PDB file of all heavy atoms in Angstrom:
ATOM      1  N   GLY A   1      13.224  -5.530   3.268  1.00  0.00           N
ATOM      2  CA  GLY A   1      13.988  -6.403   4.161  1.00  0.00           C
ATOM      3  C   GLY A   1      15.244  -5.785   4.718  1.00  0.00           C
ATOM      4  O   GLY A   1      16.121  -6.505   5.221  1.00  0.00           O
ATOM      5  N   CYS A   2      15.380  -4.478   4.668  1.00  0.00           N
ATOM      6  CA  CYS A   2      16.594  -3.819   5.147  1.00  0.00           C
ATOM      7  C   CYS A   2      16.820  -4.076   6.630  1.00  0.00           C
ATOM      8  O   CYS A   2      15.865  -4.212   7.411  1.00  0.00           O
ATOM      9  CB  CYS A   2      16.517  -2.319   4.887  1.00  0.00           C
ATOM     10  SG  CYS A   2      15.228  -1.486   5.828  1.00  0.00           S
ATOM     11  N   VAL A   3      18.083  -4.143   7.039  1.00  0.00           N
ATOM     12  CA  VAL A   3      18.444  -4.304   8.450  1.00  0.00           C
ATOM     13  C   VAL A   3      19.439  -3.242   8.904  1.00  0.00           C
ATOM     14  O   VAL A   3      19.534  -2.958  10.097  1.00  0.00           O
ATOM     15  CB  VAL A   3      19.021  -5.712   8.720  1.00  0.00           C
ATOM     16  CG1 VAL A   3      17.947  -6.764   8.593  1.00  0.00           C
ATOM     17  CG2 VAL A   3      20.174  -6.013   7.775  1.00  0.00           C
ATOM     18  N   ASP A   4      20.172  -2.665   7.977  1.00  0.00           N
ATOM     19  CA  ASP A   4      21.112  -1.601   8.316  1.00  0.00           C
ATOM     20  C   ASP A   4      20.324  -0.332   8.674  1.00  0.00           C
ATOM     21  O   ASP A   4      19.472   0.106   7.890  1.00  0.00           O
ATOM     22  CB  ASP A   4      22.046  -1.315   7.135  1.00  0.00           C
ATOM     23  CG  ASP A   4      23.087  -0.272   7.469  1.00  0.00           C
ATOM     24  OD1 ASP A   4      24.124  -0.622   8.061  1.00  0.00           O
ATOM     25  OD2 ASP A   4      22.857   0.918   7.147  1.00  0.00           O
ATOM     26  N   PRO A   5      20.554   0.263   9.843  1.00  0.00           N
ATOM     27  CA  PRO A   5      19.766   1.428  10.276  1.00  0.00           C
ATOM     28  C   PRO A   5      19.766   2.574   9.270  1.00  0.00           C
ATOM     29  O   PRO A   5      18.726   3.199   9.038  1.00  0.00           O
ATOM     30  CB  PRO A   5      20.427   1.838  11.592  1.00  0.00           C
ATOM     31  CG  PRO A   5      21.059   0.575  12.100  1.00  0.00           C
ATOM     32  CD  PRO A   5      21.504  -0.168  10.882  1.00  0.00           C
ATOM     33  N   LYS A   6      20.892   2.857   8.670  1.00  0.00           N
ATOM     34  CA  LYS A   6      20.968   3.957   7.707  1.00  0.00           C
ATOM     35  C   LYS A   6      20.120   3.662   6.477  1.00  0.00           C
ATOM     36  O   LYS A   6      19.431   4.544   5.952  1.00  0.00           O
ATOM     37  CB  LYS A   6      22.419   4.207   7.313  1.00  0.00           C
ATOM     38  CG  LYS A   6      23.286   4.724   8.455  1.00  0.00           C
ATOM     39  CD  LYS A   6      24.707   4.993   7.979  1.00  0.00           C
ATOM     40  CE  LYS A   6      25.576   5.530   9.117  1.00  0.00           C
ATOM     41  NZ  LYS A   6      26.963   5.764   8.685  1.00  0.00           N
ATOM     42  N   GLU A   7      20.191   2.426   5.992  1.00  0.00           N
ATOM     43  CA  GLU A   7      19.407   2.056   4.823  1.00  0.00           C
ATOM     44  C   GLU A   7      17.905   2.110   5.127  1.00  0.00           C
ATOM     45  O   GLU A   7      17.115   2.618   4.332  1.00  0.00           O
ATOM     46  CB  GLU A   7      19.790   0.644   4.366  1.00  0.00           C
ATOM     47  CG  GLU A   7      21.181   0.535   3.778  1.00  0.00           C
ATOM     48  CD  GLU A   7      21.315   1.298   2.472  1.00  0.00           C
ATOM     49  OE1 GLU A   7      20.489   1.073   1.577  1.00  0.00           O
ATOM     50  OE2 GLU A   7      22.240   2.123   2.361  1.00  0.00           O
ATOM     51  N   CYS A   8      17.517   1.601   6.286  1.00  0.00           N
ATOM     52  CA  CYS A   8      16.102   1.603   6.656  1.00  0.00           C
ATOM     53  C   CYS A   8      15.579   3.032   6.789  1.00  0.00           C
ATOM     54  O   CYS A   8      14.467   3.340   6.343  1.00  0.00           O
ATOM     55  CB  CYS A   8      15.896   0.842   7.971  1.00  0.00           C
ATOM     56  SG  CYS A   8      16.123  -0.948   7.818  1.00  0.00           S
ATOM     57  N   TYR A   9      16.354   3.886   7.398  1.00  0.00           N
ATOM     58  CA  TYR A   9      15.904   5.273   7.566  1.00  0.00           C
ATOM     59  C   TYR A   9      15.769   5.962   6.208  1.00  0.00           C
ATOM     60  O   TYR A   9      14.886   6.792   6.001  1.00  0.00           O
ATOM     61  CB  TYR A   9      16.875   6.035   8.456  1.00  0.00           C
ATOM     62  CG  TYR A   9      16.364   7.400   8.854  1.00  0.00           C
ATOM     63  CD1 TYR A   9      15.486   7.543   9.928  1.00  0.00           C
ATOM     64  CD2 TYR A   9      16.730   8.545   8.145  1.00  0.00           C
ATOM     65  CE1 TYR A   9      14.984   8.784  10.282  1.00  0.00           C
ATOM     66  CE2 TYR A   9      16.231   9.791   8.491  1.00  0.00           C
ATOM     67  CZ  TYR A   9      15.365   9.905   9.563  1.00  0.00           C
ATOM     68  OH  TYR A   9      14.871  11.141   9.906  1.00  0.00           O
ATOM     69  N   LYS A  10      16.629   5.600   5.274  1.00  0.00           N
ATOM     70  CA  LYS A  10      16.561   6.191   3.937  1.00  0.00           C
ATOM     71  C   LYS A  10      15.274   5.789   3.226  1.00  0.00           C
ATOM     72  O   LYS A  10      14.676   6.594   2.498  1.00  0.00           O
ATOM     73  CB  LYS A  10      17.780   5.750   3.118  1.00  0.00           C
ATOM     74  CG  LYS A  10      17.796   6.325   1.703  1.00  0.00           C
ATOM     75  CD  LYS A  10      19.071   5.920   0.972  1.00  0.00           C
ATOM     76  CE  LYS A  10      19.080   4.433   0.680  1.00  0.00           C
ATOM     77  NZ  LYS A  10      20.243   4.037  -0.159  1.00  0.00           N
ATOM     78  N   TYR A  11      14.818   4.560   3.447  1.00  0.00           N
ATOM     79  CA  TYR A  11      13.643   4.062   2.734  1.00  0.00           C
ATOM     80  C   TYR A  11      12.323   4.388   3.433  1.00  0.00           C
ATOM     81  O   TYR A  11      11.323   4.660   2.766  1.00  0.00           O
ATOM     82  CB  TYR A  11      13.742   2.550   2.541  1.00  0.00           C
ATOM     83  CG  TYR A  11      14.838   2.139   1.585  1.00  0.00           C
ATOM     84  CD1 TYR A  11      15.851   1.269   1.990  1.00  0.00           C
ATOM     85  CD2 TYR A  11      14.864   2.610   0.277  1.00  0.00           C
ATOM     86  CE1 TYR A  11      16.858   0.881   1.123  1.00  0.00           C
ATOM     87  CE2 TYR A  11      15.871   2.234  -0.604  1.00  0.00           C
ATOM     88  CZ  TYR A  11      16.868   1.374  -0.177  1.00  0.00           C
ATOM     89  OH  TYR A  11      17.867   1.001  -1.038  1.00  0.00           O
ATOM     90  N   CYS A  12      12.287   4.357   4.770  1.00  0.00           N
ATOM     91  CA  CYS A  12      10.998   4.518   5.464  1.00  0.00           C
ATOM     92  C   CYS A  12      11.075   5.371   6.723  1.00  0.00           C
ATOM     93  O   CYS A  12      10.120   5.384   7.520  1.00  0.00           O
ATOM     94  CB  CYS A  12      10.413   3.151   5.810  1.00  0.00           C
ATOM     95  SG  CYS A  12      11.393   2.212   7.000  1.00  0.00           S
ATOM     96  N   GLN A  13      12.181   6.070   6.937  1.00  0.00           N
ATOM     97  CA  GLN A  13      12.356   6.933   8.114  1.00  0.00           C
ATOM     98  C   GLN A  13      12.182   6.165   9.420  1.00  0.00           C
ATOM     99  O   GLN A  13      11.702   6.704  10.426  1.00  0.00           O
ATOM    100  CB  GLN A  13      11.371   8.118   8.084  1.00  0.00           C
ATOM    101  CG  GLN A  13      11.704   9.175   7.050  1.00  0.00           C
ATOM    102  CD  GLN A  13      11.427   8.694   5.633  1.00  0.00           C
ATOM    103  OE1 GLN A  13      10.319   8.253   5.338  1.00  0.00           O
ATOM    104  NE2 GLN A  13      12.417   8.784   4.760  1.00  0.00           N
ATOM    105  N   ASN A  14      12.566   4.893   9.417  1.00  0.00           N
ATOM    106  CA  ASN A  14      12.558   4.074  10.626  1.00  0.00           C
ATOM    107  C   ASN A  14      13.841   3.272  10.652  1.00  0.00           C
ATOM    108  O   ASN A  14      14.100   2.486   9.740  1.00  0.00           O
ATOM    109  CB  ASN A  14      11.340   3.140  10.639  1.00  0.00           C
ATOM    110  CG  ASN A  14      11.172   2.423  11.964  1.00  0.00           C
ATOM    111  OD1 ASN A  14      12.131   2.134  12.664  1.00  0.00           O
ATOM    112  ND2 ASN A  14       9.928   2.131  12.312  1.00  0.00           N
ATOM    113  N   GLU A  15      14.653   3.463  11.674  1.00  0.00           N
ATOM    114  CA  GLU A  15      15.969   2.819  11.711  1.00  0.00           C
ATOM    115  C   GLU A  15      15.895   1.336  12.054  1.00  0.00           C
ATOM    116  O   GLU A  15      16.876   0.622  11.881  1.00  0.00           O
ATOM    117  CB  GLU A  15      16.857   3.534  12.736  1.00  0.00           C
ATOM    118  CG  GLU A  15      17.204   4.971  12.351  1.00  0.00           C
ATOM    119  CD  GLU A  15      18.148   5.613  13.343  1.00  0.00           C
ATOM    120  OE1 GLU A  15      18.386   4.995  14.409  1.00  0.00           O
ATOM    121  OE2 GLU A  15      18.653   6.716  13.067  1.00  0.00           O
ATOM    122  N   VAL A  16      14.770   0.865  12.542  1.00  0.00           N
ATOM    123  CA  VAL A  16      14.677  -0.528  12.985  1.00  0.00           C
ATOM    124  C   VAL A  16      14.329  -1.463  11.836  1.00  0.00           C
ATOM    125  O   VAL A  16      14.991  -2.464  11.600  1.00  0.00           O
ATOM    126  CB  VAL A  16      13.640  -0.667  14.109  1.00  0.00           C
ATOM    127  CG1 VAL A  16      13.546  -2.121  14.566  1.00  0.00           C
ATOM    128  CG2 VAL A  16      14.014   0.225  15.282  1.00  0.00           C
ATOM    129  N   SER A  17      13.266  -1.137  11.093  1.00  0.00           N
ATOM    130  CA  SER A  17      12.800  -2.020  10.026  1.00  0.00           C
ATOM    131  C   SER A  17      11.823  -1.276   9.134  1.00  0.00           C
ATOM    132  O   SER A  17      11.224  -0.285   9.548  1.00  0.00           O
ATOM    133  CB  SER A  17      12.139  -3.266  10.623  1.00  0.00           C
ATOM    134  OG  SER A  17      11.515  -4.039   9.621  1.00  0.00           O
ATOM    135  N   CYS A  18      11.656  -1.784   7.907  1.00  0.00           N
ATOM    136  CA  CYS A  18      10.682  -1.225   6.970  1.00  0.00           C
ATOM    137  C   CYS A  18       9.618  -2.251   6.601  1.00  0.00           C
ATOM    138  O   CYS A  18       8.956  -2.125   5.564  1.00  0.00           O
ATOM    139  CB  CYS A  18      11.384  -0.735   5.699  1.00  0.00           C
ATOM    140  SG  CYS A  18      12.381   0.759   5.935  1.00  0.00           S
ATOM    141  N   SER A  19       9.448  -3.269   7.426  1.00  0.00           N
ATOM    142  CA  SER A  19       8.486  -4.320   7.101  1.00  0.00           C
ATOM    143  C   SER A  19       7.052  -3.792   7.064  1.00  0.00           C
ATOM    144  O   SER A  19       6.199  -4.369   6.390  1.00  0.00           O
ATOM    145  CB  SER A  19       8.598  -5.463   8.116  1.00  0.00           C
ATOM    146  OG  SER A  19       8.341  -4.992   9.431  1.00  0.00           O
ATOM    147  N   ASN A  20       6.773  -2.694   7.782  1.00  0.00           N
ATOM    148  CA  ASN A  20       5.415  -2.135   7.766  1.00  0.00           C
ATOM    149  C   ASN A  20       5.037  -1.571   6.393  1.00  0.00           C
ATOM    150  O   ASN A  20       3.856  -1.366   6.106  1.00  0.00           O
ATOM    151  CB  ASN A  20       5.279  -1.026   8.810  1.00  0.00           C
ATOM    152  CG  ASN A  20       5.316  -1.565  10.228  1.00  0.00           C
ATOM    153  OD1 ASN A  20       4.996  -2.717  10.470  1.00  0.00           O
ATOM    154  ND2 ASN A  20       5.741  -0.729  11.163  1.00  0.00           N
ATOM    155  N   THR A  21       6.015  -1.320   5.564  1.00  0.00           N
ATOM    156  CA  THR A  21       5.749  -0.740   4.241  1.00  0.00           C
ATOM    157  C   THR A  21       5.592  -1.807   3.169  1.00  0.00           C
ATOM    158  O   THR A  21       5.469  -1.471   1.993  1.00  0.00           O
ATOM    159  CB  THR A  21       6.883   0.219   3.838  1.00  0.00           C
ATOM    160  OG1 THR A  21       8.108  -0.537   3.660  1.00  0.00           O
ATOM    161  CG2 THR A  21       7.104   1.282   4.904  1.00  0.00           C
ATOM    162  N   ALA A  22       5.616  -3.083   3.546  1.00  0.00           N
ATOM    163  CA  ALA A  22       5.628  -4.168   2.556  1.00  0.00           C
ATOM    164  C   ALA A  22       4.412  -4.113   1.648  1.00  0.00           C
ATOM    165  O   ALA A  22       4.542  -4.081   0.414  1.00  0.00           O
ATOM    166  CB  ALA A  22       5.710  -5.521   3.268  1.00  0.00           C
ATOM    167  N   TYR A  23       3.213  -4.105   2.215  1.00  0.00           N
ATOM    168  CA  TYR A  23       2.022  -4.135   1.370  1.00  0.00           C
ATOM    169  C   TYR A  23       1.802  -2.820   0.624  1.00  0.00           C
ATOM    170  O   TYR A  23       1.487  -2.849  -0.576  1.00  0.00           O
ATOM    171  CB  TYR A  23       0.784  -4.499   2.189  1.00  0.00           C
ATOM    172  CG  TYR A  23      -0.356  -4.949   1.311  1.00  0.00           C
ATOM    173  CD1 TYR A  23      -0.444  -6.263   0.866  1.00  0.00           C
ATOM    174  CD2 TYR A  23      -1.325  -4.052   0.882  1.00  0.00           C
ATOM    175  CE1 TYR A  23      -1.475  -6.669   0.040  1.00  0.00           C
ATOM    176  CE2 TYR A  23      -2.359  -4.457   0.054  1.00  0.00           C
ATOM    177  CZ  TYR A  23      -2.424  -5.761  -0.363  1.00  0.00           C
ATOM    178  OH  TYR A  23      -3.438  -6.166  -1.192  1.00  0.00           O
ATOM    179  N   PRO A  24       1.925  -1.659   1.275  1.00  0.00           N
ATOM    180  CA  PRO A  24       1.795  -0.407   0.501  1.00  0.00           C
ATOM    181  C   PRO A  24       2.774  -0.333  -0.664  1.00  0.00           C
ATOM    182  O   PRO A  24       2.429   0.144  -1.748  1.00  0.00           O
ATOM    183  CB  PRO A  24       2.084   0.681   1.539  1.00  0.00           C
ATOM    184  CG  PRO A  24       1.714   0.064   2.834  1.00  0.00           C
ATOM    185  CD  PRO A  24       2.076  -1.378   2.708  1.00  0.00           C
ATOM    186  N   ARG A  25       3.991  -0.820  -0.441  1.00  0.00           N
ATOM    187  CA  ARG A  25       4.988  -0.817  -1.516  1.00  0.00           C
ATOM    188  C   ARG A  25       4.538  -1.696  -2.673  1.00  0.00           C
ATOM    189  O   ARG A  25       4.658  -1.333  -3.851  1.00  0.00           O
ATOM    190  CB  ARG A  25       6.322  -1.332  -0.957  1.00  0.00           C
ATOM    191  CG  ARG A  25       7.446  -1.443  -1.956  1.00  0.00           C
ATOM    192  CD  ARG A  25       8.117  -0.137  -2.174  1.00  0.00           C
ATOM    193  NE  ARG A  25       9.192  -0.221  -3.157  1.00  0.00           N
ATOM    194  CZ  ARG A  25      10.008   0.768  -3.457  1.00  0.00           C
ATOM    195  NH1 ARG A  25       9.880   1.920  -2.831  1.00  0.00           N
ATOM    196  NH2 ARG A  25      10.936   0.639  -4.355  1.00  0.00           N
ATOM    197  N   LEU A  26       3.976  -2.852  -2.346  1.00  0.00           N
ATOM    198  CA  LEU A  26       3.506  -3.768  -3.375  1.00  0.00           C
ATOM    199  C   LEU A  26       2.381  -3.138  -4.183  1.00  0.00           C
ATOM    200  O   LEU A  26       2.350  -3.232  -5.421  1.00  0.00           O
ATOM    201  CB  LEU A  26       3.018  -5.057  -2.704  1.00  0.00           C
ATOM    202  CG  LEU A  26       2.799  -6.281  -3.587  1.00  0.00           C
ATOM    203  CD1 LEU A  26       4.113  -6.766  -4.163  1.00  0.00           C
ATOM    204  CD2 LEU A  26       2.122  -7.387  -2.786  1.00  0.00           C
ATOM    205  N   VAL A  27       1.452  -2.475  -3.504  1.00  0.00           N
ATOM    206  CA  VAL A  27       0.323  -1.839  -4.185  1.00  0.00           C
ATOM    207  C   VAL A  27       0.797  -0.728  -5.106  1.00  0.00           C
ATOM    208  O   VAL A  27       0.375  -0.620  -6.269  1.00  0.00           O
ATOM    209  CB  VAL A  27      -0.689  -1.297  -3.147  1.00  0.00           C
ATOM    210  CG1 VAL A  27      -1.742  -0.429  -3.826  1.00  0.00           C
ATOM    211  CG2 VAL A  27      -1.348  -2.448  -2.404  1.00  0.00           C
ATOM    212  N   LEU A  28       1.689   0.112  -4.611  1.00  0.00           N
ATOM    213  CA  LEU A  28       2.143   1.256  -5.388  1.00  0.00           C
ATOM    214  C   LEU A  28       2.966   0.853  -6.609  1.00  0.00           C
ATOM    215  O   LEU A  28       2.984   1.557  -7.618  1.00  0.00           O
ATOM    216  CB  LEU A  28       2.974   2.197  -4.504  1.00  0.00           C
ATOM    217  CG  LEU A  28       2.205   2.911  -3.385  1.00  0.00           C
ATOM    218  CD1 LEU A  28       3.161   3.708  -2.514  1.00  0.00           C
ATOM    219  CD2 LEU A  28       1.136   3.826  -3.974  1.00  0.00           C
ATOM    220  N   GLU A  29       3.624  -0.276  -6.534  1.00  0.00           N
ATOM    221  CA  GLU A  29       4.523  -0.677  -7.619  1.00  0.00           C
ATOM    222  C   GLU A  29       3.844  -1.492  -8.706  1.00  0.00           C
ATOM    223  O   GLU A  29       4.173  -1.360  -9.881  1.00  0.00           O
ATOM    224  CB  GLU A  29       5.702  -1.471  -7.042  1.00  0.00           C
ATOM    225  CG  GLU A  29       6.639  -0.657  -6.176  1.00  0.00           C
ATOM    226  CD  GLU A  29       7.406   0.385  -6.964  1.00  0.00           C
ATOM    227  OE1 GLU A  29       7.536   0.225  -8.198  1.00  0.00           O
ATOM    228  OE2 GLU A  29       7.880   1.357  -6.353  1.00  0.00           O
ATOM    229  N   ILE A  30       2.895  -2.366  -8.347  1.00  0.00           N
ATOM    230  CA  ILE A  30       2.372  -3.302  -9.349  1.00  0.00           C
ATOM    231  C   ILE A  30       0.948  -2.998  -9.790  1.00  0.00           C
ATOM    232  O   ILE A  30       0.484  -3.570 -10.768  1.00  0.00           O
ATOM    233  CB  ILE A  30       2.438  -4.762  -8.829  1.00  0.00           C
ATOM    234  CG1 ILE A  30       1.434  -4.979  -7.698  1.00  0.00           C
ATOM    235  CG2 ILE A  30       3.840  -5.121  -8.388  1.00  0.00           C
ATOM    236  CD1 ILE A  30       1.348  -6.426  -7.264  1.00  0.00           C
ATOM    237  N   MET A  31       0.241  -2.107  -9.090  1.00  0.00           N
ATOM    238  CA  MET A  31      -1.136  -1.811  -9.478  1.00  0.00           C
ATOM    239  C   MET A  31      -1.185  -0.570 -10.355  1.00  0.00           C
ATOM    240  O   MET A  31      -0.421   0.385 -10.140  1.00  0.00           O
ATOM    241  CB  MET A  31      -2.017  -1.596  -8.244  1.00  0.00           C
ATOM    242  CG  MET A  31      -2.203  -2.837  -7.394  1.00  0.00           C
ATOM    243  SD  MET A  31      -3.419  -2.607  -6.074  1.00  0.00           S
ATOM    244  CE  MET A  31      -4.935  -2.580  -7.028  1.00  0.00           C
TER     245      MET A  31
END
């Protein structure tokens, strides 16, 4: 849910949003 461009780029290399990584992140963390 990041909105700060620097934070988003740090997590997913996209300054706008990291919402596209929601499901992959869920799979990698809980499965």
